N, C-alpha and C. Protein backbone atom coordinates (compact mmCIF):
# COMPACT_ATOMS: atom_id res chain seq x y z
N MET A 1 16.48 11.68 14.90
CA MET A 1 15.27 11.69 14.10
C MET A 1 14.46 10.44 14.45
N SER A 2 13.17 10.61 14.64
CA SER A 2 12.30 9.48 14.96
C SER A 2 12.09 8.59 13.73
N VAL A 3 11.62 7.38 13.96
CA VAL A 3 11.31 6.46 12.86
C VAL A 3 10.27 7.10 11.94
N GLN A 4 9.27 7.73 12.52
CA GLN A 4 8.23 8.39 11.72
C GLN A 4 8.85 9.45 10.82
N GLU A 5 9.76 10.25 11.35
CA GLU A 5 10.42 11.29 10.55
C GLU A 5 11.31 10.68 9.48
N GLU A 6 12.04 9.62 9.82
CA GLU A 6 12.91 8.96 8.84
C GLU A 6 12.09 8.44 7.66
N ILE A 7 10.98 7.79 7.96
CA ILE A 7 10.11 7.25 6.91
C ILE A 7 9.53 8.38 6.06
N PHE A 8 9.08 9.43 6.71
CA PHE A 8 8.54 10.59 6.00
C PHE A 8 9.57 11.14 5.01
N VAL A 9 10.79 11.35 5.48
CA VAL A 9 11.86 11.91 4.64
C VAL A 9 12.15 10.98 3.47
N ARG A 10 12.23 9.68 3.73
CA ARG A 10 12.54 8.71 2.67
C ARG A 10 11.45 8.69 1.60
N LEU A 11 10.20 8.61 2.03
CA LEU A 11 9.10 8.56 1.07
C LEU A 11 8.98 9.86 0.29
N LYS A 12 9.16 10.98 0.96
CA LYS A 12 9.08 12.28 0.29
C LYS A 12 10.19 12.42 -0.74
N SER A 13 11.38 11.99 -0.39
CA SER A 13 12.53 12.08 -1.29
C SER A 13 12.36 11.19 -2.52
N GLU A 14 11.92 9.97 -2.31
CA GLU A 14 11.84 8.99 -3.40
C GLU A 14 10.59 9.12 -4.26
N LEU A 15 9.46 9.47 -3.65
CA LEU A 15 8.19 9.47 -4.38
C LEU A 15 7.68 10.86 -4.72
N GLN A 16 8.30 11.88 -4.19
CA GLN A 16 7.93 13.28 -4.46
C GLN A 16 6.41 13.47 -4.45
N PRO A 17 5.79 13.16 -3.33
CA PRO A 17 4.33 13.21 -3.27
C PRO A 17 3.77 14.63 -3.25
N SER A 18 2.53 14.75 -3.71
CA SER A 18 1.82 16.02 -3.58
C SER A 18 1.15 16.09 -2.21
N ARG A 19 0.95 14.93 -1.59
CA ARG A 19 0.42 14.86 -0.22
C ARG A 19 0.97 13.63 0.45
N ILE A 20 1.38 13.78 1.71
CA ILE A 20 1.89 12.65 2.47
C ILE A 20 1.59 12.84 3.95
N GLU A 21 1.18 11.76 4.58
CA GLU A 21 0.99 11.72 6.03
C GLU A 21 1.60 10.42 6.52
N VAL A 22 2.41 10.52 7.56
CA VAL A 22 2.99 9.35 8.19
C VAL A 22 2.71 9.48 9.69
N ASN A 23 2.01 8.50 10.23
CA ASN A 23 1.69 8.51 11.66
C ASN A 23 2.16 7.22 12.30
N ASP A 24 2.85 7.35 13.40
CA ASP A 24 3.34 6.20 14.16
C ASP A 24 2.38 5.99 15.34
N TYR A 25 1.71 4.86 15.35
CA TYR A 25 0.79 4.57 16.44
C TYR A 25 1.26 3.36 17.25
N SER A 26 2.57 3.15 17.28
CA SER A 26 3.19 2.03 17.98
C SER A 26 2.88 2.03 19.47
N ALA A 27 2.83 3.19 20.08
CA ALA A 27 2.60 3.27 21.53
C ALA A 27 1.30 2.59 21.94
N GLU A 28 0.33 2.58 21.04
CA GLU A 28 -0.96 1.93 21.32
C GLU A 28 -0.82 0.41 21.41
N HIS A 29 0.31 -0.12 20.93
CA HIS A 29 0.51 -1.57 20.85
C HIS A 29 1.75 -2.03 21.62
N SER A 30 2.27 -1.21 22.49
CA SER A 30 3.55 -1.51 23.13
C SER A 30 3.52 -2.75 24.02
N GLY A 31 2.37 -3.17 24.49
CA GLY A 31 2.31 -4.36 25.34
C GLY A 31 1.84 -5.61 24.63
N HIS A 32 1.60 -5.54 23.34
CA HIS A 32 1.06 -6.69 22.60
C HIS A 32 2.13 -7.74 22.32
N SER A 33 1.70 -8.95 22.03
CA SER A 33 2.63 -10.06 21.82
C SER A 33 3.58 -9.85 20.64
N GLY A 34 3.16 -9.08 19.65
CA GLY A 34 4.04 -8.81 18.51
C GLY A 34 5.10 -7.78 18.82
N ASN A 35 5.07 -7.25 20.03
CA ASN A 35 6.01 -6.22 20.44
C ASN A 35 6.53 -6.54 21.85
N PRO A 36 7.26 -7.65 22.00
CA PRO A 36 7.71 -8.08 23.33
C PRO A 36 8.67 -7.09 24.00
N ASP A 37 9.34 -6.27 23.21
CA ASP A 37 10.28 -5.30 23.78
C ASP A 37 9.59 -4.02 24.22
N ARG A 38 8.27 -3.95 24.02
CA ARG A 38 7.47 -2.79 24.41
C ARG A 38 7.96 -1.48 23.76
N LYS A 39 8.37 -1.58 22.50
CA LYS A 39 8.80 -0.39 21.77
C LYS A 39 7.61 0.56 21.62
N THR A 40 7.88 1.84 21.77
CA THR A 40 6.81 2.83 21.65
C THR A 40 6.85 3.54 20.30
N GLU A 41 7.80 3.17 19.45
CA GLU A 41 7.83 3.73 18.09
C GLU A 41 8.43 2.72 17.13
N GLY A 42 8.04 2.87 15.87
CA GLY A 42 8.65 2.08 14.81
C GLY A 42 8.10 0.70 14.56
N THR A 43 6.99 0.34 15.20
CA THR A 43 6.41 -0.99 14.95
C THR A 43 5.09 -0.93 14.19
N HIS A 44 4.34 0.16 14.35
CA HIS A 44 3.03 0.33 13.72
C HIS A 44 2.96 1.71 13.07
N ILE A 45 2.81 1.73 11.75
CA ILE A 45 2.83 2.99 10.99
C ILE A 45 1.60 3.07 10.09
N ARG A 46 1.04 4.25 10.00
CA ARG A 46 -0.07 4.53 9.09
C ARG A 46 0.43 5.55 8.07
N ILE A 47 0.32 5.23 6.78
CA ILE A 47 0.83 6.10 5.72
C ILE A 47 -0.28 6.37 4.71
N SER A 48 -0.41 7.63 4.36
CA SER A 48 -1.30 8.04 3.27
C SER A 48 -0.45 8.89 2.34
N ILE A 49 -0.41 8.51 1.06
CA ILE A 49 0.48 9.20 0.13
C ILE A 49 -0.14 9.31 -1.26
N VAL A 50 -0.02 10.48 -1.85
CA VAL A 50 -0.51 10.76 -3.20
C VAL A 50 0.70 11.20 -4.01
N SER A 51 0.94 10.52 -5.13
CA SER A 51 2.13 10.83 -5.92
C SER A 51 1.91 10.58 -7.41
N ASP A 52 2.51 11.41 -8.24
CA ASP A 52 2.52 11.18 -9.69
C ASP A 52 3.27 9.91 -10.03
N ARG A 53 4.18 9.48 -9.18
CA ARG A 53 4.96 8.27 -9.43
C ARG A 53 4.08 7.02 -9.48
N PHE A 54 2.87 7.12 -8.94
CA PHE A 54 1.94 6.00 -8.96
C PHE A 54 1.09 5.96 -10.23
N SER A 55 1.23 6.95 -11.08
CA SER A 55 0.41 7.06 -12.28
C SER A 55 0.54 5.81 -13.16
N GLY A 56 -0.61 5.25 -13.53
CA GLY A 56 -0.64 4.08 -14.40
C GLY A 56 -0.32 2.77 -13.71
N LYS A 57 -0.13 2.81 -12.39
CA LYS A 57 0.22 1.60 -11.65
C LYS A 57 -1.01 1.10 -10.87
N SER A 58 -1.11 -0.20 -10.75
CA SER A 58 -2.19 -0.78 -9.94
C SER A 58 -1.91 -0.51 -8.46
N LYS A 59 -2.91 -0.72 -7.62
CA LYS A 59 -2.72 -0.55 -6.17
C LYS A 59 -1.62 -1.47 -5.66
N VAL A 60 -1.58 -2.69 -6.16
CA VAL A 60 -0.54 -3.63 -5.74
C VAL A 60 0.84 -3.09 -6.09
N GLU A 61 1.00 -2.57 -7.29
CA GLU A 61 2.28 -1.99 -7.70
C GLU A 61 2.63 -0.77 -6.86
N GLN A 62 1.64 0.07 -6.56
CA GLN A 62 1.88 1.24 -5.72
C GLN A 62 2.36 0.82 -4.34
N HIS A 63 1.69 -0.16 -3.77
CA HIS A 63 2.06 -0.63 -2.43
C HIS A 63 3.44 -1.27 -2.44
N ARG A 64 3.76 -2.02 -3.48
CA ARG A 64 5.11 -2.61 -3.58
C ARG A 64 6.18 -1.53 -3.61
N MET A 65 5.91 -0.44 -4.31
CA MET A 65 6.87 0.66 -4.37
C MET A 65 7.15 1.20 -2.97
N VAL A 66 6.09 1.37 -2.19
CA VAL A 66 6.25 1.88 -0.83
C VAL A 66 6.94 0.84 0.05
N TYR A 67 6.49 -0.40 -0.01
CA TYR A 67 7.09 -1.45 0.81
C TYR A 67 8.59 -1.61 0.51
N ASP A 68 8.97 -1.50 -0.74
CA ASP A 68 10.40 -1.58 -1.08
C ASP A 68 11.19 -0.49 -0.37
N LEU A 69 10.62 0.70 -0.25
CA LEU A 69 11.29 1.80 0.44
C LEU A 69 11.30 1.61 1.95
N LEU A 70 10.37 0.82 2.47
CA LEU A 70 10.28 0.60 3.91
C LEU A 70 11.10 -0.58 4.41
N ARG A 71 11.75 -1.30 3.51
CA ARG A 71 12.50 -2.51 3.90
C ARG A 71 13.43 -2.32 5.10
N PRO A 72 14.22 -1.24 5.16
CA PRO A 72 15.13 -1.10 6.31
C PRO A 72 14.38 -1.08 7.65
N TRP A 73 13.21 -0.49 7.68
CA TRP A 73 12.44 -0.41 8.93
C TRP A 73 11.72 -1.73 9.20
N ILE A 74 11.29 -2.40 8.15
CA ILE A 74 10.66 -3.71 8.32
C ILE A 74 11.68 -4.67 8.93
N SER A 75 12.91 -4.59 8.48
CA SER A 75 13.98 -5.43 9.02
C SER A 75 14.29 -5.11 10.48
N SER A 76 13.92 -3.90 10.91
CA SER A 76 14.22 -3.45 12.27
C SER A 76 13.02 -3.53 13.22
N GLY A 77 11.94 -4.16 12.79
CA GLY A 77 10.82 -4.35 13.70
C GLY A 77 9.49 -3.75 13.29
N LEU A 78 9.46 -2.97 12.21
CA LEU A 78 8.18 -2.46 11.71
C LEU A 78 7.40 -3.65 11.17
N HIS A 79 6.23 -3.92 11.74
CA HIS A 79 5.48 -5.10 11.30
C HIS A 79 4.00 -4.84 11.04
N ALA A 80 3.55 -3.62 11.24
CA ALA A 80 2.16 -3.30 10.93
C ALA A 80 2.13 -1.99 10.16
N ILE A 81 1.68 -2.07 8.92
CA ILE A 81 1.66 -0.89 8.04
C ILE A 81 0.25 -0.75 7.47
N THR A 82 -0.37 0.36 7.76
CA THR A 82 -1.65 0.70 7.15
C THR A 82 -1.32 1.67 6.03
N LEU A 83 -1.64 1.30 4.81
CA LEU A 83 -1.17 2.05 3.65
C LEU A 83 -2.31 2.45 2.73
N GLU A 84 -2.36 3.73 2.42
CA GLU A 84 -3.32 4.27 1.45
C GLU A 84 -2.52 5.02 0.40
N THR A 85 -2.61 4.59 -0.85
CA THR A 85 -1.87 5.23 -1.94
C THR A 85 -2.82 5.62 -3.06
N SER A 86 -2.45 6.66 -3.77
CA SER A 86 -3.17 7.01 -4.99
C SER A 86 -2.32 7.96 -5.82
N GLU A 87 -2.64 7.99 -7.10
CA GLU A 87 -1.93 8.91 -7.97
C GLU A 87 -2.58 10.28 -7.87
N THR A 88 -1.82 11.31 -8.16
CA THR A 88 -2.31 12.67 -8.11
C THR A 88 -3.53 12.81 -9.01
N GLY A 89 -4.57 13.43 -8.51
CA GLY A 89 -5.79 13.64 -9.28
C GLY A 89 -6.78 12.51 -9.19
N ALA A 90 -6.42 11.41 -8.54
CA ALA A 90 -7.31 10.25 -8.47
C ALA A 90 -8.31 10.35 -7.32
N ILE A 91 -8.06 11.26 -6.38
CA ILE A 91 -9.00 11.36 -5.25
C ILE A 91 -9.66 12.72 -5.22
């Protein structure tokens, strides 16, 4: 399973979103200084997620919830996360 798929499964399982998109754009950055090993996956992720679990929470709290779930990948080299969160019905 790819890093993108692992993250998708984890977020879907924990946050039960009504909408979720996870895109890995690491290959676009494989030669950059923040990626000396030239990894083509798992370093740069774009996430858009809508969930009832975010209801009544500030954007900071919503992002913390997601970041807490991403800790295993952050520890393994994920260092750029573009994150868009909202509660169901807010968009």
